């Protein structure tokens, strides 16, 4: 292939990739956390089902988060473990609706992501989140008060994707 043709193809390919990245960033800027939360709340009561990501079959935690953000054209990881290096970390004091809260799995000593949810509370109010829970006490898509839950010891971080 001629060098000039290869250069043009590489340029077009790179331009397409960068435009796709900019389109995703532009879309994120237009989506409000309140819209994400309002939609997430419509799914309350949906059953928990490991490995699933649809209202018909149920959700696991990352399937729920992935499904909610996908409705707004935003691609977030499908597996909770993939949140280890994903997004911009935000302090608990500055989190806002639509941020993603990341926890360990059920063994809090293993300090890697194993559970995720979506922040629903406003800054300055007690931290609350919505998630798909496998707990026998709070099964399925539920809202949880962070400070009065077993999740405090499992907390890893909050990330902003919008």
Protein backbone atom coordinates (compact mmCIF):
# COMPACT_ATOMS: atom_id res chain seq x y z
CA UNK A 1 0.00 0.00 0.00
CA UNK A 2 1.27 3.43 -0.88
CA UNK A 3 2.60 5.40 2.08
CA UNK A 4 0.27 8.36 1.46
CA UNK A 5 -2.78 6.06 1.32
CA UNK A 6 -1.75 4.33 4.55
CA UNK A 7 -1.32 7.75 6.21
CA UNK A 8 -4.78 8.84 5.09
CA UNK A 9 -6.36 5.61 6.38
CA UNK A 10 -4.58 5.91 9.73
CA UNK A 11 -5.69 9.53 9.99
CA UNK A 12 -9.31 8.62 9.19
CA UNK A 13 -9.27 5.75 11.67
CA UNK A 14 -7.80 7.92 14.44
CA UNK A 15 -10.25 10.72 13.66
CA UNK A 16 -13.17 8.28 13.88
CA UNK A 17 -11.96 6.94 17.24
CA UNK A 18 -11.36 10.39 18.69
CA UNK A 19 -14.72 11.64 17.39
CA UNK A 20 -16.36 8.66 19.08
CA UNK A 21 -14.62 9.52 22.35
CA UNK A 22 -15.68 13.17 22.04
CA UNK A 23 -19.25 12.13 21.22
CA UNK A 24 -19.37 9.99 24.40
CA UNK A 25 -17.96 12.90 26.46
CA UNK A 26 -20.45 15.30 24.86
CA UNK A 27 -23.32 12.93 25.65
CA UNK A 28 -22.20 12.57 29.27
CA UNK A 29 -22.21 16.35 29.62
CA UNK A 30 -25.87 16.50 28.47
CA UNK A 31 -27.19 13.78 30.79
CA UNK A 32 -28.18 14.86 34.30
CA UNK A 33 -27.65 12.76 37.38
CA UNK A 34 -31.27 13.44 38.30
CA UNK A 35 -32.43 11.82 35.03
CA UNK A 36 -30.29 8.75 35.70
CA UNK A 37 -31.66 8.47 39.25
CA UNK A 38 -35.26 9.00 38.16
CA UNK A 39 -34.93 6.17 35.64
CA UNK A 40 -33.11 3.91 38.12
CA UNK A 41 -35.94 4.36 40.62
CA UNK A 42 -38.47 3.06 38.07
CA UNK A 43 -36.70 -0.30 38.38
CA UNK A 44 -37.12 -0.61 42.16
CA UNK A 45 -38.41 -4.02 43.13
CA UNK A 46 -36.91 -5.80 40.13
CA UNK A 47 -35.57 -9.15 41.28
CA UNK A 48 -31.89 -9.88 41.85
CA UNK A 49 -30.46 -12.40 39.41
CA UNK A 50 -26.73 -13.08 39.19
CA UNK A 51 -25.27 -12.45 35.74
CA UNK A 52 -28.37 -10.68 34.43
CA UNK A 53 -28.91 -7.16 33.16
CA UNK A 54 -32.53 -6.71 32.14
CA UNK A 55 -35.77 -5.82 33.91
CA UNK A 56 -37.38 -8.97 32.53
CA UNK A 57 -34.82 -11.47 33.83
CA UNK A 58 -33.50 -9.45 36.77
CA UNK A 59 -30.27 -7.68 37.61
CA UNK A 60 -27.05 -8.26 39.42
CA UNK A 61 -25.43 -5.08 40.77
CA UNK A 62 -23.25 -4.25 37.78
CA UNK A 63 -25.95 -5.37 35.35
CA UNK A 64 -28.32 -2.87 36.96
CA UNK A 65 -25.79 -0.03 36.79
CA UNK A 66 -24.81 -0.93 33.23
CA UNK A 67 -28.46 -1.11 32.12
CA UNK A 68 -29.39 2.24 33.69
CA UNK A 69 -26.50 4.14 32.12
CA UNK A 70 -26.98 2.40 28.76
CA UNK A 71 -30.47 3.93 28.55
CA UNK A 72 -28.68 7.29 28.29
CA UNK A 73 -26.09 6.06 25.78
CA UNK A 74 -23.34 5.89 28.38
CA UNK A 75 -21.16 2.81 28.45
CA UNK A 76 -20.00 1.82 31.94
CA UNK A 77 -18.38 -1.50 32.84
CA UNK A 78 -20.59 -4.58 32.96
CA UNK A 79 -18.52 -6.27 35.69
CA UNK A 80 -18.05 -4.73 39.15
CA UNK A 81 -14.37 -5.71 39.15
CA UNK A 82 -13.82 -3.44 36.14
CA UNK A 83 -14.53 -0.37 38.29
CA UNK A 84 -11.11 -0.64 39.96
CA UNK A 85 -9.56 1.89 37.56
CA UNK A 86 -12.66 3.39 35.99
CA UNK A 87 -14.02 6.94 36.25
CA UNK A 88 -12.93 9.99 38.19
CA UNK A 89 -12.78 9.40 41.96
CA UNK A 90 -14.90 11.81 44.03
CA UNK A 91 -14.99 12.30 47.80
CA UNK A 92 -18.10 11.16 49.68
CA UNK A 93 -18.72 14.79 50.65
CA UNK A 94 -18.87 15.94 47.01
CA UNK A 95 -20.80 13.08 45.48
CA UNK A 96 -24.07 13.81 43.75
CA UNK A 97 -26.92 11.91 42.09
CA UNK A 98 -25.71 9.75 39.22
CA UNK A 99 -22.26 9.04 40.67
CA UNK A 100 -21.32 5.39 41.05
CA UNK A 101 -20.46 4.01 44.48
CA UNK A 102 -18.07 1.06 44.59
CA UNK A 103 -17.76 -1.54 47.34
CA UNK A 104 -15.87 -4.75 47.97
CA UNK A 105 -17.67 -8.03 47.57
CA UNK A 106 -19.15 -9.67 50.65
CA UNK A 107 -15.66 -10.24 52.12
CA UNK A 108 -14.61 -6.70 53.08
CA UNK A 109 -11.02 -7.84 53.64
CA UNK A 110 -10.58 -8.42 49.90
CA UNK A 111 -10.17 -4.77 48.90
CA UNK A 112 -11.22 -5.00 45.26
CA UNK A 113 -14.53 -4.01 43.66
CA UNK A 114 -17.28 -6.56 44.02
CA UNK A 115 -20.45 -4.47 44.27
CA UNK A 116 -21.67 -1.17 42.74
CA UNK A 117 -24.64 1.14 43.02
CA UNK A 118 -25.79 4.60 41.92
CA UNK A 119 -25.77 7.55 44.31
CA UNK A 120 -29.27 9.05 44.68
CA UNK A 121 -28.70 11.65 47.42
CA UNK A 122 -27.92 15.34 47.05
CA UNK A 123 -24.65 16.81 48.36
CA UNK A 124 -24.94 17.74 52.02
CA UNK A 125 -27.56 15.09 52.78
CA UNK A 126 -27.02 11.56 54.15
CA UNK A 127 -25.52 9.32 51.46
CA UNK A 128 -28.07 7.02 49.81
CA UNK A 129 -27.73 4.77 46.80
CA UNK A 130 -29.81 2.45 44.63
CA UNK A 131 -28.49 -0.97 43.66
CA UNK A 132 -29.38 -4.58 42.95
CA UNK A 133 -28.87 -6.41 46.23
CA UNK A 134 -28.58 -10.14 46.80
CA UNK A 135 -29.16 -9.74 50.57
CA UNK A 136 -31.98 -11.84 51.96
CA UNK A 137 -33.14 -8.77 53.94
CA UNK A 138 -33.15 -6.34 51.00
CA UNK A 139 -33.42 -8.43 47.82
CA UNK A 140 -33.51 -6.94 44.32
CA UNK A 141 -33.30 -3.30 43.27
CA UNK A 142 -33.50 -1.27 46.47
CA UNK A 143 -32.49 2.06 47.97
CA UNK A 144 -30.01 1.92 50.84
CA UNK A 145 -28.90 4.43 53.46
CA UNK A 146 -25.10 4.17 53.46
CA UNK A 147 -24.39 5.05 57.11
CA UNK A 148 -26.98 2.63 58.49
CA UNK A 149 -25.90 -0.34 56.40
CA UNK A 150 -23.28 -3.05 56.32
CA UNK A 151 -21.80 -1.34 53.29
CA UNK A 152 -19.75 1.18 55.31
CA UNK A 153 -17.02 -1.39 55.99
CA UNK A 154 -17.08 -2.46 52.31
CA UNK A 155 -16.79 1.08 50.87
CA UNK A 156 -13.98 1.60 48.33
CA UNK A 157 -14.78 4.81 46.43
CA UNK A 158 -17.25 6.94 44.52
CA UNK A 159 -16.65 7.75 40.88
CA UNK A 160 -18.14 10.32 38.56
CA UNK A 161 -18.99 9.29 35.00
CA UNK A 162 -21.32 12.15 34.03
